[in-house]
PDB file of N, CA and C in Angstrom:
ATOM      1  N   UNK A   1     113.017 107.532 139.860  1.00  0.00           N
ATOM      2  CA  UNK A   1     112.703 107.108 138.488  1.00  0.00           C
ATOM      3  C   UNK A   1     111.349 107.036 138.337  1.00  0.00           C
ATOM      4  N   UNK A   2     111.641 108.321 137.157  1.00  0.00           N
ATOM      5  CA  UNK A   2     109.854 108.450 136.659  1.00  0.00           C
ATOM      6  C   UNK A   2     108.990 107.165 135.840  1.00  0.00           C
ATOM      7  N   UNK A   3     107.988 107.266 135.962  1.00  0.00           N
ATOM      8  CA  UNK A   3     106.850 105.803 135.571  1.00  0.00           C
ATOM      9  C   UNK A   3     106.193 106.539 134.649  1.00  0.00           C
ATOM     10  N   UNK A   4     106.084 106.360 133.600  1.00  0.00           N
ATOM     11  CA  UNK A   4     105.055 106.737 131.992  1.00  0.00           C
ATOM     12  C   UNK A   4     104.071 105.750 132.034  1.00  0.00           C
ATOM     13  N   UNK A   5     102.741 106.060 131.947  1.00  0.00           N
ATOM     14  CA  UNK A   5     101.719 105.369 131.553  1.00  0.00           C
ATOM     15  C   UNK A   5     101.478 105.255 130.099  1.00  0.00           C
ATOM     16  N   UNK A   6     101.428 104.072 129.640  1.00  0.00           N
ATOM     17  CA  UNK A   6     101.463 103.783 127.968  1.00  0.00           C
ATOM     18  C   UNK A   6     100.308 102.932 128.022  1.00  0.00           C
ATOM     19  N   UNK A   7      99.224 103.450 127.248  1.00  0.00           N
ATOM     20  CA  UNK A   7      98.242 102.822 126.935  1.00  0.00           C
ATOM     21  C   UNK A   7      98.607 102.003 125.385  1.00  0.00           C
ATOM     22  N   UNK A   8      98.472 100.565 125.427  1.00  0.00           N
ATOM     23  CA  UNK A   8      98.956  99.946 124.099  1.00  0.00           C
ATOM     24  C   UNK A   8      97.524  99.570 123.617  1.00  0.00           C
ATOM     25  N   UNK A   9      97.683  99.678 122.048  1.00  0.00           N
ATOM     26  CA  UNK A   9      96.395  98.941 121.326  1.00  0.00           C
ATOM     27  C   UNK A   9      97.312  98.388 120.227  1.00  0.00           C
ATOM     28  N   UNK A  10      97.780  97.241 119.856  1.00  0.00           N
ATOM     29  CA  UNK A  10      98.267  96.832 119.251  1.00  0.00           C
ATOM     30  C   UNK A  10      97.213  96.845 118.057  1.00  0.00           C
ATOM     31  N   UNK A  11      96.241  96.446 117.737  1.00  0.00           N
ATOM     32  CA  UNK A  11      95.597  96.191 116.476  1.00  0.00           C
ATOM     33  C   UNK A  11      95.675  95.092 115.724  1.00  0.00           C
ATOM     34  N   UNK A  12      96.020  95.093 114.276  1.00  0.00           N
ATOM     35  CA  UNK A  12      95.943  93.705 113.706  1.00  0.00           C
ATOM     36  C   UNK A  12      96.735  93.802 112.998  1.00  0.00           C
ATOM     37  N   UNK A  13      97.083  92.471 112.600  1.00  0.00           N
ATOM     38  CA  UNK A  13      97.945  92.126 111.270  1.00  0.00           C
ATOM     39  C   UNK A  13      99.491  92.318 112.123  1.00  0.00           C
ATOM     40  N   UNK A  14     100.046  93.054 111.205  1.00  0.00           N
ATOM     41  CA  UNK A  14     101.712  93.431 111.393  1.00  0.00           C
ATOM     42  C   UNK A  14     101.474  94.370 112.670  1.00  0.00           C
ATOM     43  N   UNK A  15     100.774  95.423 112.581  1.00  0.00           N
ATOM     44  CA  UNK A  15     100.577  95.855 113.764  1.00  0.00           C
ATOM     45  C   UNK A  15     100.525  95.477 115.637  1.00  0.00           C
ATOM     46  N   UNK A  16     100.366  94.219 115.170  1.00  0.00           N
ATOM     47  CA  UNK A  16     100.595  93.586 116.197  1.00  0.00           C
ATOM     48  C   UNK A  16     102.349  93.524 116.859  1.00  0.00           C
ATOM     49  N   UNK A  17     102.517  92.827 115.577  1.00  0.00           N
ATOM     50  CA  UNK A  17     104.340  92.869 115.972  1.00  0.00           C
ATOM     51  C   UNK A  17     105.130  93.920 116.202  1.00  0.00           C
ATOM     52  N   UNK A  18     104.929  94.568 115.428  1.00  0.00           N
ATOM     53  CA  UNK A  18     105.364  96.222 115.626  1.00  0.00           C
ATOM     54  C   UNK A  18     105.433  96.673 116.752  1.00  0.00           C
ATOM     55  N   UNK A  19     104.185  96.708 117.560  1.00  0.00           N
ATOM     56  CA  UNK A  19     103.940  97.299 118.882  1.00  0.00           C
ATOM     57  C   UNK A  19     104.867  96.309 119.611  1.00  0.00           C
ATOM     58  N   UNK A  20     104.833  95.012 119.432  1.00  0.00           N
ATOM     59  CA  UNK A  20     105.493  94.281 120.733  1.00  0.00           C
ATOM     60  C   UNK A  20     106.989  94.286 120.461  1.00  0.00           C
ATOM     61  N   UNK A  21     107.517  94.252 118.747  1.00  0.00           N
ATOM     62  CA  UNK A  21     109.043  94.952 118.768  1.00  0.00           C
ATOM     63  C   UNK A  21     109.111  96.370 119.496  1.00  0.00           C
ATOM     64  N   UNK A  22     108.131  97.443 119.627  1.00  0.00           N
ATOM     65  CA  UNK A  22     108.777  98.146 119.995  1.00  0.00           C
ATOM     66  C   UNK A  22     108.771  98.784 121.769  1.00  0.00           C
ATOM     67  N   UNK A  23     107.589  97.594 122.092  1.00  0.00           N
ATOM     68  CA  UNK A  23     107.668  98.053 123.311  1.00  0.00           C
ATOM     69  C   UNK A  23     109.521  97.250 123.991  1.00  0.00           C
ATOM     70  N   UNK A  24     109.607  95.945 123.340  1.00  0.00           N
ATOM     71  CA  UNK A  24     110.938  95.526 123.532  1.00  0.00           C
ATOM     72  C   UNK A  24     111.868  96.885 123.506  1.00  0.00           C
ATOM     73  N   UNK A  25     111.786  97.630 122.385  1.00  0.00           N
ATOM     74  CA  UNK A  25     113.102  98.592 122.120  1.00  0.00           C
ATOM     75  C   UNK A  25     112.845  99.823 123.362  1.00  0.00           C
ATOM     76  N   UNK A  26     111.767 100.018 123.968  1.00  0.00           N
ATOM     77  CA  UNK A  26     111.108 100.887 125.075  1.00  0.00           C
ATOM     78  C   UNK A  26     111.762 100.493 126.337  1.00  0.00           C
ATOM     79  N   UNK A  27     111.553  98.651 126.539  1.00  0.00           N
ATOM     80  CA  UNK A  27     112.093  98.273 127.700  1.00  0.00           C
ATOM     81  C   UNK A  27     113.661  98.066 127.901  1.00  0.00           C
ATOM     82  N   UNK A  28     114.316  98.334 126.334  1.00  0.00           N
ATOM     83  CA  UNK A  28     115.481  98.293 126.760  1.00  0.00           C
ATOM     84  C   UNK A  28     116.286  99.478 127.136  1.00  0.00           C
ATOM     85  N   UNK A  29     115.500 100.314 126.410  1.00  0.00           N
ATOM     86  CA  UNK A  29     116.054 101.939 127.003  1.00  0.00           C
ATOM     87  C   UNK A  29     116.120 102.447 128.280  1.00  0.00           C
ATOM     88  N   UNK A  30     114.863 101.875 129.081  1.00  0.00           N
ATOM     89  CA  UNK A  30     114.346 102.534 130.212  1.00  0.00           C
ATOM     90  C   UNK A  30     115.543 102.629 131.151  1.00  0.00           C
ATOM     91  N   UNK A  31     116.254 101.606 131.430  1.00  0.00           N
ATOM     92  CA  UNK A  31     117.213 101.605 132.811  1.00  0.00           C
ATOM     93  C   UNK A  31     118.628 102.366 132.423  1.00  0.00           C
ATOM     94  N   UNK A  32     118.442 102.875 131.071  1.00  0.00           N
ATOM     95  CA  UNK A  32     119.451 103.461 130.426  1.00  0.00           C
ATOM     96  C   UNK A  32     119.241 105.127 131.008  1.00  0.00           C
ATOM     97  N   UNK A  33     117.714 105.244 130.771  1.00  0.00           N
ATOM     98  CA  UNK A  33     117.690 106.603 131.285  1.00  0.00           C
ATOM     99  C   UNK A  33     116.505 106.891 132.583  1.00  0.00           C
ATOM    100  N   UNK A  34     116.626 105.587 133.266  1.00  0.00           N
ATOM    101  CA  UNK A  34     115.925 105.763 134.604  1.00  0.00           C
ATOM    102  C   UNK A  34     114.534 106.323 134.470  1.00  0.00           C
ATOM    103  N   UNK A  35     114.019 105.321 133.016  1.00  0.00           N
ATOM    104  CA  UNK A  35     112.369 105.570 133.524  1.00  0.00           C
ATOM    105  C   UNK A  35     111.830 103.874 133.614  1.00  0.00           C
ATOM    106  N   UNK A  36     110.392 104.074 133.946  1.00  0.00           N
ATOM    107  CA  UNK A  36     110.217 102.801 133.999  1.00  0.00           C
ATOM    108  C   UNK A  36     108.527 102.753 133.303  1.00  0.00           C
ATOM    109  N   UNK A  37     107.922 102.227 132.536  1.00  0.00           N
ATOM    110  CA  UNK A  37     106.613 102.122 131.532  1.00  0.00           C
ATOM    111  C   UNK A  37     106.009 101.235 132.752  1.00  0.00           C
ATOM    112  N   UNK A  38     104.814 101.920 132.316  1.00  0.00           N
ATOM    113  CA  UNK A  38     103.362 101.355 133.113  1.00  0.00           C
ATOM    114  C   UNK A  38     102.571 100.807 131.914  1.00  0.00           C
ATOM    115  N   UNK A  39     102.411  99.689 131.362  1.00  0.00           N
ATOM    116  CA  UNK A  39     101.987  99.356 130.271  1.00  0.00           C
ATOM    117  C   UNK A  39     100.367  99.017 130.460  1.00  0.00           C
ATOM    118  N   UNK A  40      99.395  99.008 129.970  1.00  0.00           N
ATOM    119  CA  UNK A  40      98.039  98.744 129.894  1.00  0.00           C
ATOM    120  C   UNK A  40      97.506  98.416 128.602  1.00  0.00           C
ATOM    121  N   UNK A  41      97.560  97.466 128.372  1.00  0.00           N
ATOM    122  CA  UNK A  41      97.036  97.091 127.042  1.00  0.00           C
ATOM    123  C   UNK A  41      95.269  96.900 126.906  1.00  0.00           C
ATOM    124  N   UNK A  42      95.064  97.332 125.702  1.00  0.00           N
ATOM    125  CA  UNK A  42      93.528  97.256 124.730  1.00  0.00           C
ATOM    126  C   UNK A  42      93.228  96.653 124.154  1.00  0.00           C
ATOM    127  N   UNK A  43      92.358  95.755 124.082  1.00  0.00           N
ATOM    128  CA  UNK A  43      91.896  94.566 122.854  1.00  0.00           C
ATOM    129  C   UNK A  43      91.342  95.567 121.931  1.00  0.00           C
ATOM    130  N   UNK A  44      91.367  96.470 121.594  1.00  0.00           N
ATOM    131  CA  UNK A  44      90.736  97.259 120.441  1.00  0.00           C
ATOM    132  C   UNK A  44      91.359  96.741 119.059  1.00  0.00           C
ATOM    133  N   UNK A  45      90.611  95.974 118.354  1.00  0.00           N
ATOM    134  CA  UNK A  45      91.029  95.800 116.995  1.00  0.00           C
ATOM    135  C   UNK A  45      90.190  95.232 116.130  1.00  0.00           C
ATOM    136  N   UNK A  46      90.323  94.742 115.043  1.00  0.00           N
ATOM    137  CA  UNK A  46      89.058  94.078 114.264  1.00  0.00           C
ATOM    138  C   UNK A  46      88.496  93.329 114.791  1.00  0.00           C
ATOM    139  N   UNK A  47      89.296  91.948 115.460  1.00  0.00           N
ATOM    140  CA  UNK A  47      88.501  91.438 116.371  1.00  0.00           C
ATOM    141  C   UNK A  47      87.722  91.870 117.320  1.00  0.00           C
ATOM    142  N   UNK A  48      87.772  92.502 118.114  1.00  0.00           N
ATOM    143  CA  UNK A  48      86.837  93.667 119.002  1.00  0.00           C
ATOM    144  C   UNK A  48      85.840  93.748 118.406  1.00  0.00           C
ATOM    145  N   UNK A  49      86.147  94.165 117.143  1.00  0.00           N
ATOM    146  CA  UNK A  49      84.859  95.004 115.846  1.00  0.00           C
ATOM    147  C   UNK A  49      84.040  93.345 115.761  1.00  0.00           C
ATOM    148  N   UNK A  50      84.238  92.584 115.405  1.00  0.00           N
ATOM    149  CA  UNK A  50      84.015  91.085 115.033  1.00  0.00           C
ATOM    150  C   UNK A  50      82.790  90.677 116.629  1.00  0.00           C
ATOM    151  N   UNK A  51      83.385  90.720 117.695  1.00  0.00           N
ATOM    152  CA  UNK A  51      82.965  90.631 118.741  1.00  0.00           C
ATOM    153  C   UNK A  51      81.684  91.844 119.496  1.00  0.00           C
ATOM    154  N   UNK A  52      81.850  92.881 119.268  1.00  0.00           N
ATOM    155  CA  UNK A  52      81.182  93.855 119.916  1.00  0.00           C
ATOM    156  C   UNK A  52      80.270  94.948 118.958  1.00  0.00           C
ATOM    157  N   UNK A  53      80.592  94.838 117.314  1.00  0.00           N
ATOM    158  CA  UNK A  53      80.191  95.718 116.976  1.00  0.00           C
ATOM    159  C   UNK A  53      80.594  96.729 116.654  1.00  0.00           C
ATOM    160  N   UNK A  54      81.558  97.147 117.300  1.00  0.00           N
ATOM    161  CA  UNK A  54      82.618  98.872 117.362  1.00  0.00           C
ATOM    162  C   UNK A  54      84.086  98.556 117.523  1.00  0.00           C
ATOM    163  N   UNK A  55      84.741  99.671 117.153  1.00  0.00           N
ATOM    164  CA  UNK A  55      86.514  99.579 116.879  1.00  0.00           C
ATOM    165  C   UNK A  55      86.524  99.532 118.715  1.00  0.00           C
ATOM    166  N   UNK A  56      86.148 100.283 119.411  1.00  0.00           N
ATOM    167  CA  UNK A  56      86.071 100.407 120.665  1.00  0.00           C
ATOM    168  C   UNK A  56      85.309 100.939 121.681  1.00  0.00           C
ATOM    169  N   UNK A  57      84.863 100.867 122.831  1.00  0.00           N
ATOM    170  CA  UNK A  57      83.645 101.547 123.437  1.00  0.00           C
ATOM    171  C   UNK A  57      83.665 102.622 123.466  1.00  0.00           C
ATOM    172  N   UNK A  58      82.572 103.377 123.547  1.00  0.00           N
ATOM    173  CA  UNK A  58      82.199 104.863 123.704  1.00  0.00           C
ATOM    174  C   UNK A  58      83.358 105.046 125.061  1.00  0.00           C
ATOM    175  N   UNK A  59      83.739 104.650 125.626  1.00  0.00           N
ATOM    176  CA  UNK A  59      84.212 105.262 127.010  1.00  0.00           C
ATOM    177  C   UNK A  59      85.847 105.428 126.459  1.00  0.00           C
ATOM    178  N   UNK A  60      86.080 104.732 125.816  1.00  0.00           N
ATOM    179  CA  UNK A  60      87.709 104.718 125.429  1.00  0.00           C
ATOM    180  C   UNK A  60      88.805 105.926 125.218  1.00  0.00           C
ATOM    181  N   UNK A  61      88.101 106.587 124.862  1.00  0.00           N
ATOM    182  CA  UNK A  61      88.472 108.010 124.775  1.00  0.00           C
ATOM    183  C   UNK A  61      88.912 108.793 125.984  1.00  0.00           C
ATOM    184  N   UNK A  62      87.915 108.647 126.771  1.00  0.00           N
ATOM    185  CA  UNK A  62      88.046 109.271 128.342  1.00  0.00           C
ATOM    186  C   UNK A  62      88.999 108.212 128.920  1.00  0.00           C
ATOM    187  N   UNK A  63      89.300 107.186 128.725  1.00  0.00           N
ATOM    188  CA  UNK A  63      90.075 106.484 129.185  1.00  0.00           C
ATOM    189  C   UNK A  63      91.655 106.337 128.966  1.00  0.00           C
ATOM    190  N   UNK A  64      91.680 106.329 127.680  1.00  0.00           N
ATOM    191  CA  UNK A  64      92.932 107.108 127.232  1.00  0.00           C
ATOM    192  C   UNK A  64      93.388 108.378 127.621  1.00  0.00           C
ATOM    193  N   UNK A  65      92.640 109.216 127.990  1.00  0.00           N
ATOM    194  CA  UNK A  65      93.202 110.159 128.958  1.00  0.00           C
ATOM    195  C   UNK A  65      94.125 110.592 130.324  1.00  0.00           C
ATOM    196  N   UNK A  66      94.025 109.249 130.394  1.00  0.00           N
ATOM    197  CA  UNK A  66      94.227 108.827 131.804  1.00  0.00           C
ATOM    198  C   UNK A  66      96.021 108.259 131.526  1.00  0.00           C
ATOM    199  N   UNK A  67      96.286 108.660 130.301  1.00  0.00           N
ATOM    200  CA  UNK A  67      97.591 108.052 130.153  1.00  0.00           C
ATOM    201  C   UNK A  67      98.445 108.665 129.628  1.00  0.00           C
ATOM    202  N   UNK A  68      99.928 108.876 129.671  1.00  0.00           N
ATOM    203  CA  UNK A  68     100.854 109.509 129.171  1.00  0.00           C
ATOM    204  C   UNK A  68     101.345 109.440 127.353  1.00  0.00           C
ATOM    205  N   UNK A  69     100.664 108.388 127.107  1.00  0.00           N
ATOM    206  CA  UNK A  69     100.998 108.015 125.635  1.00  0.00           C
ATOM    207  C   UNK A  69     100.256 106.907 125.204  1.00  0.00           C
ATOM    208  N   UNK A  70      99.821 106.838 123.877  1.00  0.00           N
ATOM    209  CA  UNK A  70      98.916 105.785 123.381  1.00  0.00           C
ATOM    210  C   UNK A  70      99.885 105.125 122.171  1.00  0.00           C
ATOM    211  N   UNK A  71     100.415 104.157 121.947  1.00  0.00           N
ATOM    212  CA  UNK A  71     101.088 103.323 121.477  1.00  0.00           C
ATOM    213  C   UNK A  71     100.054 102.203 120.770  1.00  0.00           C
ATOM    214  N   UNK A  72      99.839 102.896 119.496  1.00  0.00           N
ATOM    215  CA  UNK A  72      98.977 102.259 118.599  1.00  0.00           C
ATOM    216  C   UNK A  72      99.443 101.745 117.253  1.00  0.00           C
ATOM    217  N   UNK A  73      99.402 100.292 117.008  1.00  0.00           N
ATOM    218  CA  UNK A  73      99.667  99.771 116.134  1.00  0.00           C
ATOM    219  C   UNK A  73      98.800  99.906 114.621  1.00  0.00           C
ATOM    220  N   UNK A  74      98.999  98.994 113.901  1.00  0.00           N
ATOM    221  CA  UNK A  74      98.125  99.261 112.378  1.00  0.00           C
ATOM    222  C   UNK A  74      96.461  98.369 112.539  1.00  0.00           C
ATOM    223  N   UNK A  75      96.104  98.992 111.771  1.00  0.00           N
ATOM    224  CA  UNK A  75      94.203  98.365 112.126  1.00  0.00           C
ATOM    225  C   UNK A  75      93.566  98.208 110.821  1.00  0.00           C
ATOM    226  N   UNK A  76      93.306  97.185 110.560  1.00  0.00           N
ATOM    227  CA  UNK A  76      92.371  96.998 109.364  1.00  0.00           C
ATOM    228  C   UNK A  76      92.175  95.309 109.094  1.00  0.00           C
ATOM    229  N   UNK A  77      91.358  95.062 108.470  1.00  0.00           N
ATOM    230  CA  UNK A  77      91.145  93.648 108.186  1.00  0.00           C
ATOM    231  C   UNK A  77      90.156  93.752 106.882  1.00  0.00           C
ATOM    232  N   UNK A  78      90.576  92.625 105.959  1.00  0.00           N
ATOM    233  CA  UNK A  78      90.118  92.781 104.391  1.00  0.00           C
ATOM    234  C   UNK A  78      88.270  92.736 104.406  1.00  0.00           C
ATOM    235  N   UNK A  79      87.702  91.913 105.843  1.00  0.00           N
ATOM    236  CA  UNK A  79      86.537  91.928 105.581  1.00  0.00           C
ATOM    237  C   UNK A  79      85.708  93.128 106.780  1.00  0.00           C
ATOM    238  N   UNK A  80      86.368  93.903 106.971  1.00  0.00           N
ATOM    239  CA  UNK A  80      85.772  95.175 107.472  1.00  0.00           C
ATOM    240  C   UNK A  80      86.099  96.437 106.630  1.00  0.00           C
ATOM    241  N   UNK A  81      85.404  97.087 106.378  1.00  0.00           N
ATOM    242  CA  UNK A  81      85.662  98.311 105.394  1.00  0.00           C
ATOM    243  C   UNK A  81      86.395  99.640 105.570  1.00  0.00           C
ATOM    244  N   UNK A  82      86.948 100.589 105.440  1.00  0.00           N
ATOM    245  CA  UNK A  82      88.327 100.895 105.998  1.00  0.00           C
ATOM    246  C   UNK A  82      87.494 101.724 106.918  1.00  0.00           C
ATOM    247  N   UNK A  83      86.392 103.020 106.205  1.00  0.00           N
ATOM    248  CA  UNK A  83      85.928 103.907 106.954  1.00  0.00           C
ATOM    249  C   UNK A  83      85.444 103.339 108.350  1.00  0.00           C
ATOM    250  N   UNK A  84      85.159 101.940 108.745  1.00  0.00           N
ATOM    251  CA  UNK A  84      84.921 101.585 109.773  1.00  0.00           C
ATOM    252  C   UNK A  84      86.191 101.622 110.988  1.00  0.00           C
ATOM    253  N   UNK A  85      87.196 101.044 110.454  1.00  0.00           N
ATOM    254  CA  UNK A  85      88.465 101.169 111.324  1.00  0.00           C
ATOM    255  C   UNK A  85      88.769 102.377 111.426  1.00  0.00           C
ATOM    256  N   UNK A  86      88.885 103.185 110.476  1.00  0.00           N
ATOM    257  CA  UNK A  86      89.006 104.634 110.494  1.00  0.00           C
ATOM    258  C   UNK A  86      88.407 105.458 111.191  1.00  0.00           C
ATOM    259  N   UNK A  87      87.176 105.425 110.990  1.00  0.00           N
ATOM    260  CA  UNK A  87      85.813 106.312 111.832  1.00  0.00           C
ATOM    261  C   UNK A  87      85.960 105.840 113.578  1.00  0.00           C
ATOM    262  N   UNK A  88      86.282 104.496 113.543  1.00  0.00           N
ATOM    263  CA  UNK A  88      85.536 103.848 114.709  1.00  0.00           C
ATOM    264  C   UNK A  88      86.823 103.941 115.734  1.00  0.00           C
ATOM    265  N   UNK A  89      88.270 104.273 115.476  1.00  0.00           N
ATOM    266  CA  UNK A  89      89.286 103.904 116.174  1.00  0.00           C
ATOM    267  C   UNK A  89      90.328 105.173 115.687  1.00  0.00           C
ATOM    268  N   UNK A  90      91.175 104.952 114.415  1.00  0.00           N
ATOM    269  CA  UNK A  90      92.122 105.261 114.112  1.00  0.00           C
ATOM    270  C   UNK A  90      91.731 107.382 114.595  1.00  0.00           C
ATOM    271  N   UNK A  91      91.160 107.599 113.978  1.00  0.00           N
ATOM    272  CA  UNK A  91      90.883 109.118 113.388  1.00  0.00           C
ATOM    273  C   UNK A  91      90.364 109.591 114.874  1.00  0.00           C
ATOM    274  N   UNK A  92      89.285 108.664 115.896  1.00  0.00           N
ATOM    275  CA  UNK A  92      88.915 109.549 117.032  1.00  0.00           C
ATOM    276  C   UNK A  92      90.457 109.556 117.648  1.00  0.00           C
ATOM    277  N   UNK A  93      91.073 109.151 118.119  1.00  0.00           N
ATOM    278  CA  UNK A  93      92.363 108.809 118.607  1.00  0.00           C
ATOM    279  C   UNK A  93      93.178 109.893 118.276  1.00  0.00           C
ATOM    280  N   UNK A  94      93.162 110.331 116.727  1.00  0.00           N
ATOM    281  CA  UNK A  94      94.459 111.244 116.569  1.00  0.00           C
ATOM    282  C   UNK A  94      93.482 112.289 117.111  1.00  0.00           C
ATOM    283  N   UNK A  95      92.211 112.507 116.147  1.00  0.00           N
ATOM    284  CA  UNK A  95      91.877 113.677 116.758  1.00  0.00           C
ATOM    285  C   UNK A  95      91.891 114.389 118.015  1.00  0.00           C
ATOM    286  N   UNK A  96      91.395 113.525 118.729  1.00  0.00           N
ATOM    287  CA  UNK A  96      91.135 113.685 120.581  1.00  0.00           C
ATOM    288  C   UNK A  96      92.582 114.004 120.858  1.00  0.00           C
ATOM    289  N   UNK A  97      93.673 113.552 120.576  1.00  0.00           N
ATOM    290  CA  UNK A  97      94.772 113.957 121.046  1.00  0.00           C
ATOM    291  C   UNK A  97      95.705 114.974 120.251  1.00  0.00           C
ATOM    292  N   UNK A  98      95.295 115.231 119.387  1.00  0.00           N
ATOM    293  CA  UNK A  98      96.027 116.089 118.114  1.00  0.00           C
ATOM    294  C   UNK A  98      96.950 115.169 117.848  1.00  0.00           C
ATOM    295  N   UNK A  99      97.043 114.471 117.118  1.00  0.00           N
ATOM    296  CA  UNK A  99      98.127 113.392 116.647  1.00  0.00           C
ATOM    297  C   UNK A  99      98.117 113.229 115.202  1.00  0.00           C
ATOM    298  N   UNK A 100      98.705 113.727 114.323  1.00  0.00           N
ATOM    299  CA  UNK A 100      98.568 113.846 112.802  1.00  0.00           C
ATOM    300  C   UNK A 100      99.881 113.248 112.653  1.00  0.00           C
TER     301      UNK A 100
END
């Protein structure tokens, strides 16, 4: 049975719900196709920004290189400027892993 390592970044608001439901779908499909998922959740979100002053740590992209996939939910908060969430999390992940 193949195991795939998936980094989970739920993000904010509806992103949390969407990722949770997406994981249910992945889990439902896994036995049919002989796949297992090895999920690792990361707390990178607007709450993380409020606590640490950054959307994700400087080592985050290197950490994500160890995964087969990144499941990333919506990110944003009314009290955080869009450029912070975009430049601090979303765009670095997209650029590093060529995901547009």
